[in-house]
């Protein structure tokens, strides 16, 4: 969590809505208190271009959710899509960004202070 203030985080509004639907009111408050600590955090509510969604469907991602997230990451110019999602990790090649597990991202970019 201490790394968040140094990151440029972009989240789709649809993901925030979906995550919030599965949390208690207290958990939602905790989530938003964490997100408020990220100075370079944006939530994007505009629709993802359909042509990019089709691109990620053609790359092998399921249309309803995963292709949308892949298209969103490219549309926003993301360098990384940090995910534990098995579809992203095993099925996606040819994307405009690197799909990376959280622990790998942290190992590359986080140097704890000793």
N, C-alpha and C. Protein backbone atom coordinates (compact mmCIF):
# COMPACT_ATOMS: atom_id res chain seq x y z
N UNK A 1 0.82 -1.19 0.00
CA UNK A 1 0.00 0.00 0.00
C UNK A 1 0.87 1.26 0.00
N UNK A 2 2.06 1.18 0.55
CA UNK A 2 2.91 2.37 0.59
C UNK A 2 3.39 2.77 -0.80
N UNK A 3 3.31 1.89 -1.76
CA UNK A 3 3.72 2.19 -3.13
C UNK A 3 2.66 2.98 -3.89
N UNK A 4 1.40 2.89 -3.47
CA UNK A 4 0.31 3.53 -4.20
C UNK A 4 0.51 5.02 -4.48
N UNK A 5 0.99 5.83 -3.54
CA UNK A 5 1.14 7.25 -3.85
C UNK A 5 2.11 7.55 -5.00
N UNK A 6 2.97 6.61 -5.34
CA UNK A 6 3.92 6.87 -6.42
C UNK A 6 3.44 6.33 -7.77
N UNK A 7 2.25 5.76 -7.81
CA UNK A 7 1.74 5.17 -9.04
C UNK A 7 0.69 6.04 -9.70
N UNK A 8 0.57 5.89 -11.00
CA UNK A 8 -0.52 6.50 -11.76
C UNK A 8 -1.54 5.38 -11.96
N UNK A 9 -2.64 5.42 -11.22
CA UNK A 9 -3.63 4.35 -11.22
C UNK A 9 -4.87 4.81 -11.97
N UNK A 10 -5.31 3.98 -12.93
CA UNK A 10 -6.51 4.28 -13.71
C UNK A 10 -7.43 3.07 -13.58
N UNK A 11 -8.65 3.34 -13.14
CA UNK A 11 -9.62 2.27 -12.93
C UNK A 11 -10.90 2.54 -13.73
N UNK A 12 -11.46 1.49 -14.33
CA UNK A 12 -12.75 1.68 -14.98
C UNK A 12 -13.85 1.82 -13.94
N UNK A 13 -14.74 2.77 -14.15
CA UNK A 13 -15.87 2.96 -13.24
C UNK A 13 -16.68 1.69 -13.07
N UNK A 14 -16.80 0.91 -14.14
CA UNK A 14 -17.55 -0.35 -14.08
C UNK A 14 -16.94 -1.32 -13.08
N UNK A 15 -15.61 -1.35 -12.98
CA UNK A 15 -14.94 -2.24 -12.02
C UNK A 15 -15.21 -1.75 -10.59
N UNK A 16 -15.13 -0.45 -10.38
CA UNK A 16 -15.43 0.10 -9.05
C UNK A 16 -16.86 -0.26 -8.65
N UNK A 17 -17.78 -0.12 -9.58
CA UNK A 17 -19.18 -0.45 -9.31
C UNK A 17 -19.33 -1.93 -8.97
N UNK A 18 -18.70 -2.80 -9.73
CA UNK A 18 -18.80 -4.24 -9.51
C UNK A 18 -18.17 -4.65 -8.18
N UNK A 19 -17.00 -4.10 -7.88
CA UNK A 19 -16.34 -4.41 -6.61
C UNK A 19 -17.21 -3.92 -5.45
N UNK A 20 -17.74 -2.73 -5.56
CA UNK A 20 -18.56 -2.16 -4.49
C UNK A 20 -19.81 -3.00 -4.23
N UNK A 21 -20.34 -3.59 -5.28
CA UNK A 21 -21.55 -4.41 -5.14
C UNK A 21 -21.29 -5.64 -4.28
N UNK A 22 -20.04 -6.08 -4.22
CA UNK A 22 -19.69 -7.28 -3.47
C UNK A 22 -19.08 -6.99 -2.10
N UNK A 23 -19.11 -5.74 -1.67
CA UNK A 23 -18.54 -5.36 -0.38
C UNK A 23 -19.61 -4.85 0.57
N UNK A 24 -19.34 -4.94 1.84
CA UNK A 24 -20.21 -4.33 2.84
C UNK A 24 -19.99 -2.81 2.82
N UNK A 25 -20.88 -2.09 3.45
CA UNK A 25 -20.74 -0.62 3.51
C UNK A 25 -19.41 -0.22 4.16
N UNK A 26 -19.03 -0.92 5.21
CA UNK A 26 -17.76 -0.64 5.89
C UNK A 26 -16.57 -0.90 4.96
N UNK A 27 -16.62 -2.00 4.22
CA UNK A 27 -15.54 -2.34 3.29
C UNK A 27 -15.45 -1.32 2.15
N UNK A 28 -16.58 -0.83 1.70
CA UNK A 28 -16.59 0.21 0.65
C UNK A 28 -15.89 1.47 1.17
N UNK A 29 -16.18 1.85 2.41
CA UNK A 29 -15.53 3.02 3.00
C UNK A 29 -14.02 2.83 3.08
N UNK A 30 -13.59 1.63 3.46
CA UNK A 30 -12.16 1.33 3.53
C UNK A 30 -11.54 1.41 2.14
N UNK A 31 -12.21 0.82 1.15
CA UNK A 31 -11.72 0.88 -0.23
C UNK A 31 -11.52 2.32 -0.69
N UNK A 32 -12.53 3.16 -0.50
CA UNK A 32 -12.41 4.53 -0.96
C UNK A 32 -11.41 5.34 -0.15
N UNK A 33 -11.24 5.01 1.12
CA UNK A 33 -10.21 5.70 1.90
C UNK A 33 -8.82 5.35 1.38
N UNK A 34 -8.63 4.10 0.93
CA UNK A 34 -7.36 3.71 0.32
C UNK A 34 -7.16 4.41 -1.02
N UNK A 35 -8.20 4.44 -1.83
CA UNK A 35 -8.10 5.08 -3.15
C UNK A 35 -7.82 6.58 -3.03
N UNK A 36 -8.34 7.21 -2.00
CA UNK A 36 -8.09 8.64 -1.80
C UNK A 36 -6.63 8.94 -1.50
N UNK A 37 -5.87 7.95 -1.09
CA UNK A 37 -4.45 8.14 -0.78
C UNK A 37 -3.57 8.11 -2.03
N UNK A 38 -4.18 7.83 -3.17
CA UNK A 38 -3.43 7.74 -4.42
C UNK A 38 -3.60 9.06 -5.17
N UNK A 39 -2.57 9.93 -5.15
CA UNK A 39 -2.73 11.24 -5.78
C UNK A 39 -2.95 11.17 -7.29
N UNK A 40 -2.42 10.16 -7.94
CA UNK A 40 -2.54 10.03 -9.40
C UNK A 40 -3.58 8.97 -9.76
N UNK A 41 -4.72 8.95 -9.07
CA UNK A 41 -5.75 7.94 -9.31
C UNK A 41 -6.92 8.57 -10.05
N UNK A 42 -7.32 7.89 -11.13
CA UNK A 42 -8.48 8.35 -11.90
C UNK A 42 -9.46 7.20 -12.07
N UNK A 43 -10.74 7.50 -11.95
CA UNK A 43 -11.79 6.55 -12.28
C UNK A 43 -12.43 7.06 -13.56
N UNK A 44 -12.45 6.21 -14.58
CA UNK A 44 -12.94 6.59 -15.91
C UNK A 44 -14.31 5.97 -16.12
N UNK A 45 -15.29 6.82 -16.44
CA UNK A 45 -16.66 6.35 -16.64
C UNK A 45 -17.07 6.33 -18.12
N UNK A 46 -16.24 6.89 -18.99
CA UNK A 46 -16.58 6.89 -20.41
C UNK A 46 -16.55 5.47 -20.97
N UNK A 47 -17.35 5.21 -22.00
CA UNK A 47 -17.34 3.86 -22.58
C UNK A 47 -16.04 3.56 -23.32
N UNK A 48 -15.60 2.33 -23.22
CA UNK A 48 -14.41 1.86 -23.92
C UNK A 48 -14.75 1.70 -25.40
N UNK A 49 -13.88 2.14 -26.30
CA UNK A 49 -14.18 1.98 -27.73
C UNK A 49 -14.46 0.51 -28.09
N UNK A 50 -15.56 0.30 -28.79
CA UNK A 50 -15.97 -1.05 -29.17
C UNK A 50 -14.92 -1.75 -30.01
N UNK A 51 -14.21 -1.00 -30.84
CA UNK A 51 -13.19 -1.62 -31.69
C UNK A 51 -12.07 -2.25 -30.85
N UNK A 52 -11.73 -1.63 -29.72
CA UNK A 52 -10.71 -2.21 -28.85
C UNK A 52 -11.23 -3.44 -28.12
N UNK A 53 -12.50 -3.41 -27.73
CA UNK A 53 -13.09 -4.60 -27.10
C UNK A 53 -13.05 -5.76 -28.09
N UNK A 54 -13.43 -5.51 -29.34
CA UNK A 54 -13.38 -6.56 -30.36
C UNK A 54 -11.95 -7.09 -30.55
N UNK A 55 -10.96 -6.20 -30.47
CA UNK A 55 -9.57 -6.62 -30.60
C UNK A 55 -9.22 -7.64 -29.52
N UNK A 56 -9.63 -7.38 -28.28
CA UNK A 56 -9.27 -8.27 -27.19
C UNK A 56 -10.10 -9.56 -27.20
N UNK A 57 -11.27 -9.52 -27.76
CA UNK A 57 -12.02 -10.75 -27.98
C UNK A 57 -11.26 -11.60 -28.99
N UNK A 58 -10.75 -10.96 -30.06
CA UNK A 58 -10.00 -11.70 -31.08
C UNK A 58 -8.67 -12.23 -30.53
N UNK A 59 -8.15 -11.62 -29.47
CA UNK A 59 -6.92 -12.10 -28.84
C UNK A 59 -7.20 -13.25 -27.86
N UNK A 60 -8.48 -13.59 -27.68
CA UNK A 60 -8.82 -14.75 -26.89
C UNK A 60 -9.44 -14.50 -25.53
N UNK A 61 -9.74 -13.25 -25.20
CA UNK A 61 -10.34 -12.99 -23.89
C UNK A 61 -11.86 -13.09 -23.97
N UNK A 62 -12.51 -13.56 -22.89
CA UNK A 62 -13.97 -13.60 -22.87
C UNK A 62 -14.55 -12.20 -23.05
N UNK A 63 -15.62 -12.11 -23.84
CA UNK A 63 -16.15 -10.81 -24.28
C UNK A 63 -16.72 -9.96 -23.15
N UNK A 64 -17.44 -10.53 -22.24
CA UNK A 64 -18.20 -9.73 -21.28
C UNK A 64 -17.33 -8.89 -20.35
N UNK A 65 -16.30 -9.45 -19.78
CA UNK A 65 -15.54 -8.69 -18.78
C UNK A 65 -14.08 -8.54 -19.15
N UNK A 66 -13.40 -9.64 -19.41
CA UNK A 66 -11.96 -9.59 -19.61
C UNK A 66 -11.56 -8.78 -20.84
N UNK A 67 -12.29 -8.94 -21.94
CA UNK A 67 -11.97 -8.17 -23.14
C UNK A 67 -12.16 -6.68 -22.88
N UNK A 68 -13.17 -6.33 -22.10
CA UNK A 68 -13.42 -4.94 -21.73
C UNK A 68 -12.23 -4.39 -20.93
N UNK A 69 -11.73 -5.17 -19.99
CA UNK A 69 -10.61 -4.70 -19.15
C UNK A 69 -9.33 -4.58 -19.98
N UNK A 70 -9.07 -5.54 -20.84
CA UNK A 70 -7.91 -5.44 -21.73
C UNK A 70 -8.01 -4.22 -22.63
N UNK A 71 -9.19 -4.00 -23.22
CA UNK A 71 -9.40 -2.84 -24.08
C UNK A 71 -9.24 -1.54 -23.29
N UNK A 72 -9.75 -1.52 -22.08
CA UNK A 72 -9.62 -0.34 -21.23
C UNK A 72 -8.15 -0.02 -20.97
N UNK A 73 -7.37 -1.04 -20.63
CA UNK A 73 -5.95 -0.83 -20.34
C UNK A 73 -5.23 -0.23 -21.55
N UNK A 74 -5.49 -0.75 -22.73
CA UNK A 74 -4.86 -0.19 -23.93
C UNK A 74 -5.35 1.22 -24.20
N UNK A 75 -6.64 1.44 -24.11
CA UNK A 75 -7.26 2.75 -24.36
C UNK A 75 -6.65 3.82 -23.45
N UNK A 76 -6.34 3.45 -22.21
CA UNK A 76 -5.80 4.41 -21.25
C UNK A 76 -4.27 4.50 -21.30
N UNK A 77 -3.65 3.71 -22.18
CA UNK A 77 -2.20 3.77 -22.32
C UNK A 77 -1.45 3.14 -21.16
N UNK A 78 -2.05 2.13 -20.52
CA UNK A 78 -1.41 1.48 -19.37
C UNK A 78 -0.15 0.73 -19.80
N UNK A 79 0.87 0.79 -18.96
CA UNK A 79 2.07 -0.01 -19.18
C UNK A 79 1.89 -1.41 -18.62
N UNK A 80 1.11 -1.51 -17.55
CA UNK A 80 0.90 -2.79 -16.88
C UNK A 80 -0.58 -3.00 -16.60
N UNK A 81 -1.00 -4.24 -16.68
CA UNK A 81 -2.28 -4.67 -16.14
C UNK A 81 -1.91 -5.66 -15.04
N UNK A 82 -2.10 -5.23 -13.81
CA UNK A 82 -1.71 -6.05 -12.67
C UNK A 82 -2.91 -6.91 -12.30
N UNK A 83 -2.74 -8.23 -12.41
CA UNK A 83 -3.88 -9.12 -12.26
C UNK A 83 -3.45 -10.52 -11.85
N UNK A 84 -4.33 -11.17 -11.12
CA UNK A 84 -4.18 -12.60 -10.81
C UNK A 84 -5.09 -13.41 -11.72
N UNK A 85 -5.82 -12.75 -12.60
CA UNK A 85 -6.79 -13.39 -13.48
C UNK A 85 -6.10 -14.37 -14.42
N UNK A 86 -6.51 -15.60 -14.38
CA UNK A 86 -5.86 -16.64 -15.18
C UNK A 86 -6.01 -16.40 -16.68
N UNK A 87 -7.12 -15.79 -17.13
CA UNK A 87 -7.29 -15.51 -18.55
C UNK A 87 -6.23 -14.53 -19.04
N UNK A 88 -6.04 -13.46 -18.29
CA UNK A 88 -5.03 -12.48 -18.68
C UNK A 88 -3.64 -13.09 -18.66
N UNK A 89 -3.37 -13.88 -17.65
CA UNK A 89 -2.02 -14.40 -17.47
C UNK A 89 -1.67 -15.51 -18.45
N UNK A 90 -2.65 -16.31 -18.86
CA UNK A 90 -2.32 -17.46 -19.70
C UNK A 90 -2.75 -17.31 -21.15
N UNK A 91 -3.76 -16.50 -21.43
CA UNK A 91 -4.34 -16.46 -22.77
C UNK A 91 -3.99 -15.23 -23.58
N UNK A 92 -3.47 -14.20 -22.95
CA UNK A 92 -3.30 -12.94 -23.65
C UNK A 92 -1.88 -12.76 -24.15
N UNK A 93 -1.75 -12.61 -25.45
CA UNK A 93 -0.48 -12.21 -26.04
C UNK A 93 -0.81 -11.21 -27.14
N UNK A 94 0.11 -10.34 -27.43
CA UNK A 94 -0.13 -9.31 -28.44
C UNK A 94 -0.82 -8.07 -27.89
N UNK A 95 -0.85 -7.94 -26.58
CA UNK A 95 -1.48 -6.77 -25.96
C UNK A 95 -0.51 -5.59 -25.98
N UNK A 96 -1.07 -4.40 -25.81
CA UNK A 96 -0.28 -3.17 -25.81
C UNK A 96 0.32 -2.86 -24.44
N UNK A 97 0.19 -3.79 -23.51
CA UNK A 97 0.67 -3.61 -22.14
C UNK A 97 1.16 -4.95 -21.63
N UNK A 98 1.87 -4.93 -20.53
CA UNK A 98 2.35 -6.17 -19.92
C UNK A 98 1.37 -6.61 -18.83
N UNK A 99 0.97 -7.86 -18.88
CA UNK A 99 0.14 -8.44 -17.82
C UNK A 99 1.09 -9.03 -16.79
N UNK A 100 0.89 -8.66 -15.53
CA UNK A 100 1.85 -9.02 -14.50
C UNK A 100 1.11 -9.30 -13.19
N UNK A 101 1.60 -10.31 -12.48
CA UNK A 101 1.02 -10.62 -11.16
C UNK A 101 1.46 -9.54 -10.16
N UNK A 102 0.64 -9.29 -9.15
CA UNK A 102 0.99 -8.26 -8.16
C UNK A 102 2.36 -8.49 -7.52
N UNK A 103 2.68 -9.73 -7.15
CA UNK A 103 3.96 -9.97 -6.47
C UNK A 103 5.15 -9.72 -7.40
N UNK A 104 4.99 -9.97 -8.69
CA UNK A 104 6.06 -9.71 -9.64
C UNK A 104 6.24 -8.20 -9.82
N UNK A 105 5.12 -7.49 -9.93
CA UNK A 105 5.19 -6.03 -10.04
C UNK A 105 5.91 -5.44 -8.83
N UNK A 106 5.53 -5.88 -7.64
CA UNK A 106 6.16 -5.36 -6.42
C UNK A 106 7.65 -5.68 -6.37
N UNK A 107 8.01 -6.89 -6.77
CA UNK A 107 9.42 -7.27 -6.75
C UNK A 107 10.23 -6.39 -7.70
N UNK A 108 9.65 -6.00 -8.81
CA UNK A 108 10.37 -5.15 -9.78
C UNK A 108 10.43 -3.69 -9.38
N UNK A 109 9.37 -3.19 -8.72
CA UNK A 109 9.23 -1.75 -8.56
C UNK A 109 9.25 -1.24 -7.12
N UNK A 110 9.29 -2.11 -6.17
CA UNK A 110 9.23 -1.68 -4.79
C UNK A 110 10.49 -2.11 -4.06
N UNK A 111 11.22 -1.16 -3.57
CA UNK A 111 12.42 -1.42 -2.79
C UNK A 111 12.15 -0.98 -1.35
N UNK A 112 11.82 -1.91 -0.46
CA UNK A 112 11.53 -1.51 0.93
C UNK A 112 12.72 -0.84 1.59
N UNK A 113 12.42 0.13 2.43
CA UNK A 113 13.47 0.82 3.16
C UNK A 113 13.94 -0.06 4.31
N UNK A 114 15.23 -0.21 4.45
CA UNK A 114 15.80 -1.02 5.52
C UNK A 114 16.16 -0.19 6.72
